[in-house]
């Protein structure tokens, strides 16, 4: 009769934490929304938009360029002047669209024949004002939600000390370079196989095989 030897349990390997995601949001969705809104305003009939026609696009794109220059790559810098300029961009877009909407409503109420021959023009102008209003609302929500995009950016990784860096570099090396030679590990595993581990984690000396 022989007794079975239960191999020693392998030590748990603690995995290093995953690197944090890149910080902050991209600028391109905001810039694209502002460009689309400026284009919609320019597409309005001349009697509804701000004159001259280049004022709204020039101001909006200029302010967006200032924002990107002040916080390049991703939005993660919490500075008062950046929040102020962001608010100015959205407020300017909102006021320009409110002006266009007010002029459109006033003309509908005072001049019933303005779109009698071209009803599609009324739908087009109203649709452009509505779409611009949706973009402005989305920008306000994006800017005010939880204190702005910079406040929503995840915190960066904590700086590691020299001792931690040396320890991590040692963990990143192959086993043979850490002082754990494969042959020595195999010998140690064979030696540990002579000691059984029960289900409660207690060690016990394995009984030698015996024959009846």
N, C-alpha and C. Protein backbone atom coordinates (compact mmCIF):
# COMPACT_ATOMS: atom_id res chain seq x y z
N UNK A 1 0.86 -1.19 0.00
CA UNK A 1 0.00 0.00 0.00
C UNK A 1 0.89 1.23 0.00
N UNK A 2 0.56 2.08 -0.82
CA UNK A 2 1.33 3.31 -0.92
C UNK A 2 0.46 4.49 -0.58
N UNK A 3 1.06 5.52 -0.10
CA UNK A 3 0.33 6.77 0.20
C UNK A 3 0.65 7.79 -0.86
N UNK A 4 -0.36 8.56 -1.18
CA UNK A 4 -0.18 9.58 -2.21
C UNK A 4 0.45 10.82 -1.58
N UNK A 5 1.32 11.43 -2.36
CA UNK A 5 1.97 12.67 -1.92
C UNK A 5 1.27 13.85 -2.57
N UNK A 6 0.80 14.76 -1.77
CA UNK A 6 0.17 15.96 -2.30
C UNK A 6 1.22 17.04 -2.48
N UNK A 7 1.40 17.55 -3.69
CA UNK A 7 2.45 18.55 -3.89
C UNK A 7 2.17 19.82 -3.11
N UNK A 8 3.25 20.44 -2.73
CA UNK A 8 3.10 21.68 -1.98
C UNK A 8 2.46 22.74 -2.86
N UNK A 9 1.59 23.52 -2.27
CA UNK A 9 0.92 24.56 -3.04
C UNK A 9 1.90 25.65 -3.41
N UNK A 10 1.73 26.15 -4.62
CA UNK A 10 2.63 27.20 -5.11
C UNK A 10 2.24 28.53 -4.47
N UNK A 11 3.21 29.34 -4.16
CA UNK A 11 2.89 30.65 -3.56
C UNK A 11 2.15 31.53 -4.55
N UNK A 12 1.20 32.28 -4.02
CA UNK A 12 0.42 33.18 -4.89
C UNK A 12 1.30 34.28 -5.42
N UNK A 13 1.12 34.58 -6.67
CA UNK A 13 1.90 35.63 -7.31
C UNK A 13 1.05 36.88 -7.36
N UNK A 14 1.52 37.94 -6.77
CA UNK A 14 0.79 39.20 -6.75
C UNK A 14 1.12 39.98 -8.02
N UNK A 15 0.10 40.25 -8.79
CA UNK A 15 0.31 40.98 -10.04
C UNK A 15 0.45 42.47 -9.77
N UNK A 16 1.28 43.09 -10.55
CA UNK A 16 1.46 44.53 -10.42
C UNK A 16 0.20 45.23 -10.90
N UNK A 17 -0.20 46.34 -10.26
CA UNK A 17 -1.40 47.05 -10.70
C UNK A 17 -1.22 47.59 -12.10
N UNK A 18 -2.31 47.60 -12.83
CA UNK A 18 -2.27 48.11 -14.20
C UNK A 18 -2.00 49.60 -14.21
N UNK A 19 -1.36 50.03 -15.26
CA UNK A 19 -1.06 51.44 -15.39
C UNK A 19 -2.36 52.22 -15.58
N UNK A 20 -2.50 53.42 -15.00
CA UNK A 20 -3.72 54.19 -15.16
C UNK A 20 -3.90 54.66 -16.59
N UNK A 21 -5.17 54.89 -16.94
CA UNK A 21 -5.47 55.36 -18.28
C UNK A 21 -4.91 56.76 -18.49
N UNK A 22 -4.79 57.13 -19.74
CA UNK A 22 -4.28 58.46 -20.05
C UNK A 22 -5.19 59.51 -19.46
N UNK A 23 -4.60 60.59 -18.99
CA UNK A 23 -5.34 61.58 -18.24
C UNK A 23 -6.10 62.52 -19.16
N UNK A 24 -7.26 62.97 -18.69
CA UNK A 24 -8.00 64.03 -19.34
C UNK A 24 -8.72 63.62 -20.60
N UNK A 25 -9.61 64.50 -21.05
CA UNK A 25 -10.37 64.29 -22.27
C UNK A 25 -9.67 64.95 -23.45
N UNK A 26 -10.03 64.50 -24.63
CA UNK A 26 -9.47 65.09 -25.84
C UNK A 26 -10.13 66.43 -26.13
N UNK A 27 -9.38 67.29 -26.84
CA UNK A 27 -9.93 68.58 -27.25
C UNK A 27 -10.76 68.49 -28.53
N UNK A 28 -10.50 67.48 -29.36
CA UNK A 28 -11.10 67.50 -30.69
C UNK A 28 -12.63 67.43 -30.68
N UNK A 29 -13.32 66.74 -29.72
CA UNK A 29 -14.78 66.81 -29.74
C UNK A 29 -15.31 68.22 -29.50
N UNK A 30 -14.66 68.95 -28.59
CA UNK A 30 -15.08 70.32 -28.31
C UNK A 30 -14.83 71.22 -29.52
N UNK A 31 -13.64 71.11 -30.10
CA UNK A 31 -13.33 71.93 -31.27
C UNK A 31 -14.28 71.61 -32.43
N UNK A 32 -14.59 70.33 -32.62
CA UNK A 32 -15.51 69.96 -33.70
C UNK A 32 -16.90 70.52 -33.46
N UNK A 33 -17.38 70.47 -32.22
CA UNK A 33 -18.70 71.03 -31.92
C UNK A 33 -18.74 72.53 -32.17
N UNK A 34 -17.68 73.24 -31.78
CA UNK A 34 -17.64 74.70 -32.00
C UNK A 34 -17.58 75.02 -33.48
N UNK A 35 -16.80 74.25 -34.25
CA UNK A 35 -16.72 74.49 -35.70
C UNK A 35 -18.07 74.26 -36.36
N UNK A 36 -18.76 73.19 -35.97
CA UNK A 36 -20.08 72.92 -36.56
C UNK A 36 -21.06 74.02 -36.20
N UNK A 37 -21.06 74.47 -34.96
CA UNK A 37 -21.96 75.54 -34.55
C UNK A 37 -21.67 76.84 -35.29
N UNK A 38 -20.39 77.16 -35.45
CA UNK A 38 -20.04 78.37 -36.20
C UNK A 38 -20.47 78.26 -37.65
N UNK A 39 -20.31 77.07 -38.25
CA UNK A 39 -20.76 76.88 -39.63
C UNK A 39 -22.26 77.01 -39.78
N UNK A 40 -23.02 76.49 -38.80
CA UNK A 40 -24.47 76.64 -38.84
C UNK A 40 -24.89 78.10 -38.75
N UNK A 41 -24.20 78.86 -37.92
CA UNK A 41 -24.54 80.28 -37.81
C UNK A 41 -24.26 81.03 -39.10
N UNK A 42 -23.15 80.70 -39.73
CA UNK A 42 -22.82 81.37 -41.01
C UNK A 42 -23.81 80.98 -42.09
N UNK A 43 -24.35 79.76 -42.04
CA UNK A 43 -25.30 79.29 -43.05
C UNK A 43 -26.66 79.95 -42.94
N UNK A 44 -26.94 80.64 -41.83
CA UNK A 44 -28.21 81.33 -41.69
C UNK A 44 -28.33 82.47 -42.70
N UNK A 45 -29.55 82.84 -43.04
CA UNK A 45 -29.72 84.04 -43.89
C UNK A 45 -29.09 85.26 -43.24
N UNK A 46 -28.65 86.19 -44.06
CA UNK A 46 -27.89 87.34 -43.56
C UNK A 46 -28.67 88.16 -42.54
N UNK A 47 -30.00 88.21 -42.66
CA UNK A 47 -30.79 89.04 -41.75
C UNK A 47 -30.89 88.44 -40.35
N UNK A 48 -30.47 87.21 -40.15
CA UNK A 48 -30.55 86.58 -38.83
C UNK A 48 -29.21 86.47 -38.13
N UNK A 49 -28.15 86.35 -38.86
CA UNK A 49 -26.85 86.11 -38.22
C UNK A 49 -26.19 87.42 -37.83
N UNK A 50 -25.12 87.30 -37.02
CA UNK A 50 -24.32 88.45 -36.61
C UNK A 50 -23.52 88.93 -37.81
N UNK A 51 -23.47 90.25 -37.98
CA UNK A 51 -22.73 90.84 -39.09
C UNK A 51 -21.49 91.56 -38.56
N UNK A 52 -20.40 91.53 -39.32
CA UNK A 52 -20.18 90.74 -40.54
C UNK A 52 -20.13 89.24 -40.26
N UNK A 53 -20.27 88.47 -41.31
CA UNK A 53 -20.44 87.02 -41.15
C UNK A 53 -19.22 86.34 -40.54
N UNK A 54 -18.05 86.93 -40.68
CA UNK A 54 -16.84 86.26 -40.20
C UNK A 54 -16.60 86.45 -38.71
N UNK A 55 -17.39 87.31 -38.05
CA UNK A 55 -17.12 87.64 -36.65
C UNK A 55 -17.28 86.41 -35.75
N UNK A 56 -18.41 85.73 -35.86
CA UNK A 56 -18.67 84.58 -34.97
C UNK A 56 -17.64 83.47 -35.19
N UNK A 57 -17.38 83.02 -36.43
CA UNK A 57 -16.35 81.97 -36.59
C UNK A 57 -14.97 82.41 -36.11
N UNK A 58 -14.58 83.66 -36.40
CA UNK A 58 -13.25 84.11 -36.01
C UNK A 58 -13.09 84.15 -34.49
N UNK A 59 -14.10 84.66 -33.79
CA UNK A 59 -14.01 84.75 -32.33
C UNK A 59 -13.99 83.35 -31.71
N UNK A 60 -14.90 82.48 -32.17
CA UNK A 60 -14.98 81.14 -31.59
C UNK A 60 -13.70 80.33 -31.84
N UNK A 61 -13.24 80.32 -33.07
CA UNK A 61 -12.05 79.53 -33.38
C UNK A 61 -10.81 80.12 -32.71
N UNK A 62 -10.74 81.44 -32.60
CA UNK A 62 -9.60 82.05 -31.91
C UNK A 62 -9.56 81.68 -30.44
N UNK A 63 -10.71 81.70 -29.78
CA UNK A 63 -10.75 81.34 -28.36
C UNK A 63 -10.46 79.86 -28.15
N UNK A 64 -10.95 79.01 -29.05
CA UNK A 64 -10.65 77.58 -28.93
C UNK A 64 -9.15 77.34 -29.11
N UNK A 65 -8.53 78.07 -30.03
CA UNK A 65 -7.08 77.94 -30.21
C UNK A 65 -6.33 78.36 -28.95
N UNK A 66 -6.81 79.40 -28.27
CA UNK A 66 -6.19 79.81 -27.01
C UNK A 66 -6.32 78.72 -25.95
N UNK A 67 -7.49 78.08 -25.88
CA UNK A 67 -7.69 77.00 -24.91
C UNK A 67 -6.75 75.83 -25.18
N UNK A 68 -6.65 75.45 -26.44
CA UNK A 68 -5.78 74.31 -26.77
C UNK A 68 -4.32 74.64 -26.49
N UNK A 69 -3.92 75.88 -26.76
CA UNK A 69 -2.54 76.28 -26.48
C UNK A 69 -2.26 76.32 -24.97
N UNK A 70 -3.26 76.71 -24.19
CA UNK A 70 -3.07 76.77 -22.74
C UNK A 70 -3.11 75.42 -22.06
N UNK A 71 -3.76 74.45 -22.68
CA UNK A 71 -3.85 73.10 -22.11
C UNK A 71 -3.75 72.10 -23.25
N UNK A 72 -2.56 71.92 -23.81
CA UNK A 72 -2.42 71.07 -25.00
C UNK A 72 -2.63 69.60 -24.69
N UNK A 73 -2.73 68.81 -25.75
CA UNK A 73 -2.89 67.35 -25.68
C UNK A 73 -4.23 67.00 -25.07
N UNK A 74 -4.32 66.93 -23.74
CA UNK A 74 -5.55 66.55 -23.07
C UNK A 74 -5.94 67.61 -22.04
N UNK A 75 -7.23 67.61 -21.69
CA UNK A 75 -7.76 68.62 -20.78
C UNK A 75 -7.56 68.13 -19.35
N UNK A 76 -6.51 68.59 -18.69
CA UNK A 76 -6.24 68.15 -17.33
C UNK A 76 -5.63 69.25 -16.46
N UNK A 77 -5.59 70.47 -16.95
CA UNK A 77 -5.02 71.57 -16.16
C UNK A 77 -6.14 72.40 -15.56
N UNK A 78 -6.19 72.45 -14.24
CA UNK A 78 -7.23 73.19 -13.54
C UNK A 78 -6.74 74.61 -13.27
N UNK A 79 -7.02 75.49 -14.21
CA UNK A 79 -6.62 76.89 -14.10
C UNK A 79 -7.85 77.77 -14.27
N UNK A 80 -7.89 78.85 -13.51
CA UNK A 80 -9.05 79.73 -13.51
C UNK A 80 -9.26 80.38 -14.87
N UNK A 81 -8.18 80.82 -15.51
CA UNK A 81 -8.35 81.53 -16.77
C UNK A 81 -8.82 80.59 -17.88
N UNK A 82 -8.46 79.32 -17.80
CA UNK A 82 -8.96 78.36 -18.78
C UNK A 82 -10.46 78.15 -18.62
N UNK A 83 -10.94 78.05 -17.39
CA UNK A 83 -12.37 77.93 -17.17
C UNK A 83 -13.10 79.18 -17.64
N UNK A 84 -12.49 80.35 -17.40
CA UNK A 84 -13.12 81.60 -17.82
C UNK A 84 -13.23 81.69 -19.34
N UNK A 85 -12.16 81.35 -20.04
CA UNK A 85 -12.19 81.40 -21.51
C UNK A 85 -13.19 80.38 -22.06
N UNK A 86 -13.25 79.21 -21.45
CA UNK A 86 -14.24 78.21 -21.88
C UNK A 86 -15.65 78.74 -21.74
N UNK A 87 -15.93 79.39 -20.61
CA UNK A 87 -17.25 79.99 -20.42
C UNK A 87 -17.54 81.09 -21.42
N UNK A 88 -16.53 81.87 -21.77
CA UNK A 88 -16.73 82.93 -22.76
C UNK A 88 -17.07 82.35 -24.13
N UNK A 89 -16.39 81.26 -24.51
CA UNK A 89 -16.68 80.62 -25.80
C UNK A 89 -18.13 80.16 -25.87
N UNK A 90 -18.57 79.46 -24.84
CA UNK A 90 -19.94 78.92 -24.85
C UNK A 90 -20.96 80.05 -24.75
N UNK A 91 -20.67 81.06 -23.92
CA UNK A 91 -21.61 82.17 -23.78
C UNK A 91 -21.73 82.97 -25.08
N UNK A 92 -20.63 83.18 -25.77
CA UNK A 92 -20.67 83.91 -27.04
C UNK A 92 -21.49 83.15 -28.08
N UNK A 93 -21.29 81.83 -28.14
CA UNK A 93 -22.07 81.02 -29.06
C UNK A 93 -23.55 81.06 -28.70
N UNK A 94 -23.87 81.01 -27.42
CA UNK A 94 -25.26 81.03 -26.98
C UNK A 94 -25.93 82.36 -27.32
N UNK A 95 -25.24 83.46 -27.07
CA UNK A 95 -25.81 84.78 -27.35
C UNK A 95 -26.03 84.99 -28.85
N UNK A 96 -25.07 84.53 -29.67
CA UNK A 96 -25.23 84.66 -31.12
C UNK A 96 -26.43 83.86 -31.61
N UNK A 97 -26.63 82.69 -31.04
CA UNK A 97 -27.77 81.88 -31.46
C UNK A 97 -29.08 82.47 -30.93
N UNK A 98 -29.08 83.02 -29.73
CA UNK A 98 -30.28 83.67 -29.22
C UNK A 98 -30.66 84.86 -30.07
N UNK A 99 -29.68 85.60 -30.54
CA UNK A 99 -29.95 86.73 -31.42
C UNK A 99 -30.60 86.26 -32.72
N UNK A 100 -30.07 85.19 -33.29
CA UNK A 100 -30.65 84.65 -34.52
C UNK A 100 -32.07 84.14 -34.28
N UNK A 101 -32.29 83.45 -33.16
CA UNK A 101 -33.62 82.95 -32.86
C UNK A 101 -34.61 84.08 -32.64
N UNK A 102 -34.17 85.12 -31.94
CA UNK A 102 -35.06 86.27 -31.71
C UNK A 102 -35.46 86.96 -33.01
N UNK A 103 -34.50 87.14 -33.89
CA UNK A 103 -34.80 87.78 -35.18
C UNK A 103 -35.75 86.92 -36.01
N UNK A 104 -35.54 85.60 -35.97
CA UNK A 104 -36.39 84.70 -36.74
C UNK A 104 -37.82 84.74 -36.21
N UNK A 105 -37.99 84.68 -34.90
CA UNK A 105 -39.34 84.70 -34.31
C UNK A 105 -40.01 86.04 -34.58
N UNK A 106 -39.26 87.13 -34.44
CA UNK A 106 -39.85 88.45 -34.70
C UNK A 106 -40.32 88.58 -36.14
N UNK A 107 -39.58 88.06 -37.08
CA UNK A 107 -39.97 88.16 -38.48
C UNK A 107 -41.19 87.28 -38.78
N UNK A 108 -41.27 86.13 -38.13
CA UNK A 108 -42.44 85.27 -38.33
C UNK A 108 -43.70 85.95 -37.81
N UNK A 109 -43.58 86.64 -36.67
CA UNK A 109 -44.75 87.27 -36.06
C UNK A 109 -45.16 88.56 -36.77
N UNK A 110 -44.22 89.26 -37.36
CA UNK A 110 -44.53 90.57 -37.96
C UNK A 110 -44.68 90.52 -39.47
N UNK A 111 -44.14 89.51 -40.11
CA UNK A 111 -44.18 89.45 -41.57
C UNK A 111 -44.61 88.05 -41.99
N UNK A 112 -45.90 87.89 -42.19
CA UNK A 112 -46.43 86.57 -42.51
C UNK A 112 -46.07 86.11 -43.91
N UNK A 113 -45.71 87.02 -44.79
CA UNK A 113 -45.45 86.67 -46.18
C UNK A 113 -43.98 86.42 -46.47
N UNK A 114 -43.13 86.50 -45.45
CA UNK A 114 -41.70 86.38 -45.69
C UNK A 114 -41.34 84.99 -46.22
N UNK A 115 -42.01 83.94 -45.74
CA UNK A 115 -41.73 82.58 -46.17
C UNK A 115 -42.90 81.97 -46.94
N UNK A 116 -43.80 82.81 -47.43
CA UNK A 116 -44.96 82.28 -48.14
C UNK A 116 -44.53 81.59 -49.43
N UNK A 117 -43.59 82.17 -50.15
CA UNK A 117 -43.15 81.59 -51.41
C UNK A 117 -42.11 80.50 -51.20
N UNK A 118 -41.37 80.54 -50.08
CA UNK A 118 -40.31 79.56 -49.82
C UNK A 118 -40.46 79.02 -48.39
N UNK A 119 -41.42 78.15 -48.14
CA UNK A 119 -41.59 77.61 -46.78
C UNK A 119 -40.40 76.77 -46.33
N UNK A 120 -39.66 76.21 -47.29
CA UNK A 120 -38.49 75.43 -46.91
C UNK A 120 -37.42 76.28 -46.23
N UNK A 121 -37.39 77.57 -46.58
CA UNK A 121 -36.42 78.45 -45.95
C UNK A 121 -36.68 78.61 -44.46
N UNK A 122 -37.98 78.64 -44.08
CA UNK A 122 -38.32 78.73 -42.66
C UNK A 122 -37.87 77.48 -41.91
N UNK A 123 -38.10 76.31 -42.51
CA UNK A 123 -37.68 75.07 -41.87
C UNK A 123 -36.15 74.99 -41.75
N UNK A 124 -35.47 75.43 -42.80
CA UNK A 124 -34.01 75.38 -42.77
C UNK A 124 -33.44 76.31 -41.71
N UNK A 125 -33.95 77.54 -41.66
CA UNK A 125 -33.45 78.50 -40.66
C UNK A 125 -33.78 78.03 -39.25
N UNK A 126 -35.01 77.54 -39.05
CA UNK A 126 -35.37 77.05 -37.73
C UNK A 126 -34.55 75.84 -37.33
N UNK A 127 -34.28 74.94 -38.29
CA UNK A 127 -33.46 73.77 -37.98
C UNK A 127 -32.04 74.14 -37.62
N UNK A 128 -31.47 75.13 -38.29
CA UNK A 128 -30.11 75.55 -37.97
C UNK A 128 -30.03 76.18 -36.58
N UNK A 129 -31.04 76.99 -36.25
CA UNK A 129 -31.06 77.59 -34.91
C UNK A 129 -31.23 76.52 -33.85
N UNK A 130 -32.11 75.56 -34.12
CA UNK A 130 -32.34 74.48 -33.15
C UNK A 130 -31.08 73.63 -32.96
N UNK A 131 -30.41 73.27 -34.04
CA UNK A 131 -29.19 72.46 -33.94
C UNK A 131 -28.10 73.20 -33.18
N UNK A 132 -27.96 74.48 -33.44
CA UNK A 132 -26.96 75.28 -32.71
C UNK A 132 -27.30 75.35 -31.23
N UNK A 133 -28.59 75.43 -30.92
CA UNK A 133 -29.01 75.46 -29.52
C UNK A 133 -28.69 74.14 -28.82
N UNK A 134 -28.86 73.03 -29.53
CA UNK A 134 -28.51 71.72 -28.95
C UNK A 134 -27.01 71.65 -28.66
N UNK A 135 -26.19 72.14 -29.58
CA UNK A 135 -24.74 72.11 -29.37
C UNK A 135 -24.35 73.00 -28.20
N UNK A 136 -24.96 74.18 -28.10
CA UNK A 136 -24.65 75.09 -26.99
C UNK A 136 -25.03 74.45 -25.65
N UNK A 137 -26.20 73.82 -25.61
CA UNK A 137 -26.61 73.16 -24.37
C UNK A 137 -25.63 72.04 -24.00
N UNK A 138 -25.22 71.25 -24.99
CA UNK A 138 -24.27 70.17 -24.72
C UNK A 138 -22.95 70.73 -24.19
N UNK A 139 -22.49 71.84 -24.74
CA UNK A 139 -21.24 72.44 -24.26
C UNK A 139 -21.37 72.96 -22.84
N UNK A 140 -22.52 73.58 -22.52
CA UNK A 140 -22.74 74.04 -21.15
C UNK A 140 -22.72 72.86 -20.18
N UNK A 141 -23.40 71.80 -20.56
CA UNK A 141 -23.44 70.62 -19.69
C UNK A 141 -22.04 70.03 -19.52
N UNK A 142 -21.29 69.96 -20.62
CA UNK A 142 -19.92 69.42 -20.56
C UNK A 142 -19.04 70.28 -19.66
N UNK A 143 -19.22 71.58 -19.70
CA UNK A 143 -18.36 72.48 -18.94
C UNK A 143 -18.73 72.53 -17.46
N UNK A 144 -20.01 72.37 -17.14
CA UNK A 144 -20.44 72.52 -15.75
C UNK A 144 -20.50 71.20 -15.00
N UNK A 145 -20.51 70.09 -15.68
CA UNK A 145 -20.62 68.81 -15.02
C UNK A 145 -19.40 68.52 -14.15
N UNK A 146 -19.61 68.37 -12.84
CA UNK A 146 -18.54 68.05 -11.88
C UNK A 146 -17.35 69.00 -11.96
N UNK A 147 -17.63 70.25 -12.23
CA UNK A 147 -16.57 71.25 -12.19
C UNK A 147 -15.74 71.37 -13.44
N UNK A 148 -16.14 70.75 -14.53
CA UNK A 148 -15.40 70.89 -15.78
C UNK A 148 -14.58 69.66 -16.13
N UNK A 149 -14.09 69.67 -17.36
CA UNK A 149 -13.34 68.52 -17.86
C UNK A 149 -12.05 68.30 -17.08
N UNK A 150 -11.36 69.38 -16.70
CA UNK A 150 -10.10 69.22 -15.96
C UNK A 150 -10.33 68.59 -14.59
N UNK A 151 -11.45 68.93 -13.94
CA UNK A 151 -11.75 68.35 -12.64
C UNK A 151 -12.15 66.88 -12.77
N UNK A 152 -12.70 66.50 -13.92
CA UNK A 152 -13.09 65.11 -14.12
C UNK A 152 -11.91 64.22 -14.51
N UNK A 153 -10.78 64.81 -14.83
CA UNK A 153 -9.62 64.02 -15.25
C UNK A 153 -9.14 63.16 -14.10
N UNK A 154 -8.82 61.87 -14.36
CA UNK A 154 -8.33 60.99 -13.28
C UNK A 154 -6.98 61.47 -12.78
N UNK A 155 -6.69 61.26 -11.49
CA UNK A 155 -5.39 61.68 -10.95
C UNK A 155 -4.26 60.87 -11.57
N UNK A 156 -3.13 61.50 -11.69
CA UNK A 156 -1.96 60.84 -12.26
C UNK A 156 -1.34 59.86 -11.28
N UNK A 157 -0.45 58.99 -11.75
CA UNK A 157 0.20 58.02 -10.85
C UNK A 157 1.12 58.71 -9.85
N UNK A 158 1.16 58.16 -8.64
CA UNK A 158 2.04 58.72 -7.61
C UNK A 158 3.50 58.45 -7.96
N UNK A 159 4.37 59.41 -7.72
CA UNK A 159 5.80 59.18 -8.00
C UNK A 159 6.36 58.11 -7.08
N UNK A 160 7.17 57.24 -7.62
CA UNK A 160 7.77 56.16 -6.85
C UNK A 160 9.17 56.56 -6.40
N UNK A 161 9.54 56.06 -5.22
CA UNK A 161 10.86 56.30 -4.72
C UNK A 161 11.88 55.41 -5.39
N UNK A 162 13.15 55.67 -5.10
CA UNK A 162 14.23 54.89 -5.72
C UNK A 162 14.16 53.43 -5.30
N UNK A 163 13.78 53.18 -4.03
CA UNK A 163 13.71 51.79 -3.56
C UNK A 163 12.59 51.04 -4.29
N UNK A 164 11.44 51.69 -4.48
CA UNK A 164 10.34 51.04 -5.20
C UNK A 164 10.70 50.77 -6.65
N UNK A 165 11.39 51.71 -7.27
CA UNK A 165 11.79 51.53 -8.66
C UNK A 165 12.76 50.36 -8.80
N UNK A 166 13.72 50.23 -7.84
CA UNK A 166 14.65 49.11 -7.90
C UNK A 166 13.93 47.78 -7.70
N UNK A 167 12.93 47.78 -6.80
CA UNK A 167 12.18 46.55 -6.57
C UNK A 167 11.36 46.17 -7.80
N UNK A 168 10.74 47.15 -8.44
CA UNK A 168 9.95 46.87 -9.64
C UNK A 168 10.86 46.38 -10.78
N UNK A 169 12.05 46.99 -10.90
CA UNK A 169 12.98 46.55 -11.94
C UNK A 169 13.43 45.11 -11.69
N UNK A 170 13.60 44.75 -10.41
CA UNK A 170 13.98 43.37 -10.10
C UNK A 170 12.86 42.41 -10.45
N UNK A 171 11.60 42.81 -10.20
CA UNK A 171 10.47 41.94 -10.54
C UNK A 171 10.31 41.77 -12.04
N UNK A 172 10.71 42.78 -12.80
CA UNK A 172 10.56 42.72 -14.25
C UNK A 172 11.62 41.85 -14.90
N UNK A 173 12.69 41.50 -14.16
CA UNK A 173 13.74 40.69 -14.75
C UNK A 173 13.32 39.23 -14.83
N UNK A 174 13.92 38.45 -15.73
CA UNK A 174 13.63 37.01 -15.77
C UNK A 174 14.02 36.33 -14.47
N UNK A 175 13.45 35.14 -14.23
CA UNK A 175 13.72 34.43 -12.99
C UNK A 175 15.20 34.09 -12.83
N UNK A 176 15.85 33.73 -13.94
CA UNK A 176 17.26 33.35 -13.86
C UNK A 176 18.14 34.51 -13.42
N UNK A 177 17.71 35.75 -13.71
CA UNK A 177 18.50 36.92 -13.35
C UNK A 177 18.16 37.43 -11.96
N UNK A 178 17.11 36.90 -11.34
CA UNK A 178 16.75 37.35 -10.01
C UNK A 178 17.43 36.52 -8.91
N UNK A 179 18.23 35.52 -9.28
CA UNK A 179 18.80 34.63 -8.30
C UNK A 179 18.02 33.35 -8.13
N UNK A 180 16.96 33.16 -8.94
CA UNK A 180 16.17 31.93 -8.89
C UNK A 180 16.52 31.12 -10.14
N UNK A 181 17.47 30.23 -9.97
CA UNK A 181 17.87 29.43 -11.11
C UNK A 181 16.84 28.33 -11.34
N UNK A 182 16.48 28.02 -12.59
CA UNK A 182 15.48 26.98 -12.83
C UNK A 182 15.83 25.65 -12.22
N UNK A 183 17.12 25.26 -12.30
CA UNK A 183 17.52 23.96 -11.75
C UNK A 183 17.37 23.96 -10.24
N UNK A 184 17.80 25.07 -9.60
CA UNK A 184 17.69 25.15 -8.15
C UNK A 184 16.23 25.14 -7.73
N UNK A 185 15.37 25.79 -8.50
CA UNK A 185 13.95 25.78 -8.19
C UNK A 185 13.37 24.39 -8.30
N UNK A 186 13.82 23.62 -9.31
CA UNK A 186 13.33 22.25 -9.48
C UNK A 186 13.76 21.37 -8.31
N UNK A 187 15.02 21.54 -7.86
CA UNK A 187 15.51 20.76 -6.72
C UNK A 187 14.73 21.10 -5.47
N UNK A 188 14.44 22.40 -5.28
CA UNK A 188 13.69 22.82 -4.10
C UNK A 188 12.27 22.27 -4.14
N UNK A 189 11.68 22.26 -5.33
CA UNK A 189 10.33 21.72 -5.45
C UNK A 189 10.32 20.23 -5.16
N UNK A 190 11.35 19.50 -5.60
CA UNK A 190 11.41 18.08 -5.32
C UNK A 190 11.59 17.81 -3.83
N UNK A 191 12.37 18.66 -3.17
CA UNK A 191 12.56 18.49 -1.74
C UNK A 191 11.29 18.80 -0.98
N UNK A 192 10.57 19.83 -1.39
CA UNK A 192 9.33 20.19 -0.72
C UNK A 192 8.24 19.17 -0.95
N UNK A 193 8.38 18.37 -2.01
CA UNK A 193 7.38 17.34 -2.28
C UNK A 193 7.37 16.27 -1.22
N UNK A 194 8.43 16.17 -0.41
CA UNK A 194 8.48 15.17 0.67
C UNK A 194 7.63 15.59 1.84
N UNK A 195 7.19 16.87 1.86
CA UNK A 195 6.35 17.36 2.95
C UNK A 195 4.97 17.63 2.38
N UNK A 196 3.96 16.96 2.89
CA UNK A 196 2.60 17.14 2.40
C UNK A 196 1.91 18.30 3.11
N UNK A 197 0.95 18.91 2.44
CA UNK A 197 0.18 20.01 3.02
C UNK A 197 -1.28 19.56 3.06
N UNK A 198 -1.88 19.53 4.23
CA UNK A 198 -3.27 19.09 4.30
C UNK A 198 -4.20 20.20 3.87
N UNK A 199 -5.51 19.91 3.89
CA UNK A 199 -6.48 20.86 3.37
C UNK A 199 -6.63 22.08 4.25
N UNK A 200 -6.15 22.03 5.51
CA UNK A 200 -6.22 23.19 6.40
C UNK A 200 -4.95 24.02 6.35
N UNK A 201 -4.02 23.65 5.50
CA UNK A 201 -2.78 24.41 5.39
C UNK A 201 -1.73 23.99 6.36
N UNK A 202 -1.93 22.91 7.15
CA UNK A 202 -0.93 22.45 8.10
C UNK A 202 -0.01 21.45 7.41
N UNK A 203 1.24 21.55 7.74
CA UNK A 203 2.21 20.65 7.14
C UNK A 203 2.29 19.36 7.93
N UNK A 204 2.55 18.29 7.25
CA UNK A 204 2.72 17.01 7.90
C UNK A 204 3.78 16.23 7.13
N UNK A 205 4.51 15.42 7.81
CA UNK A 205 5.54 14.61 7.18
C UNK A 205 4.86 13.48 6.41
N UNK A 206 5.19 13.37 5.12
CA UNK A 206 4.59 12.33 4.29
C UNK A 206 5.13 10.98 4.70
N UNK A 207 4.23 10.02 4.74
CA UNK A 207 4.65 8.68 5.11
C UNK A 207 5.39 8.04 3.96
N UNK A 208 6.43 7.33 4.30
CA UNK A 208 7.22 6.67 3.26
C UNK A 208 6.40 5.54 2.67
N UNK A 209 6.57 5.27 1.41
CA UNK A 209 5.82 4.18 0.80
C UNK A 209 6.17 2.84 1.45
N UNK A 210 5.16 2.09 1.64
CA UNK A 210 5.38 0.78 2.25
C UNK A 210 4.71 -0.28 1.41
N UNK A 211 5.22 -1.42 1.50
CA UNK A 211 4.69 -2.54 0.74
C UNK A 211 4.16 -3.58 1.72
N UNK A 212 3.07 -4.16 1.35
CA UNK A 212 2.48 -5.20 2.17
C UNK A 212 3.10 -6.55 1.82
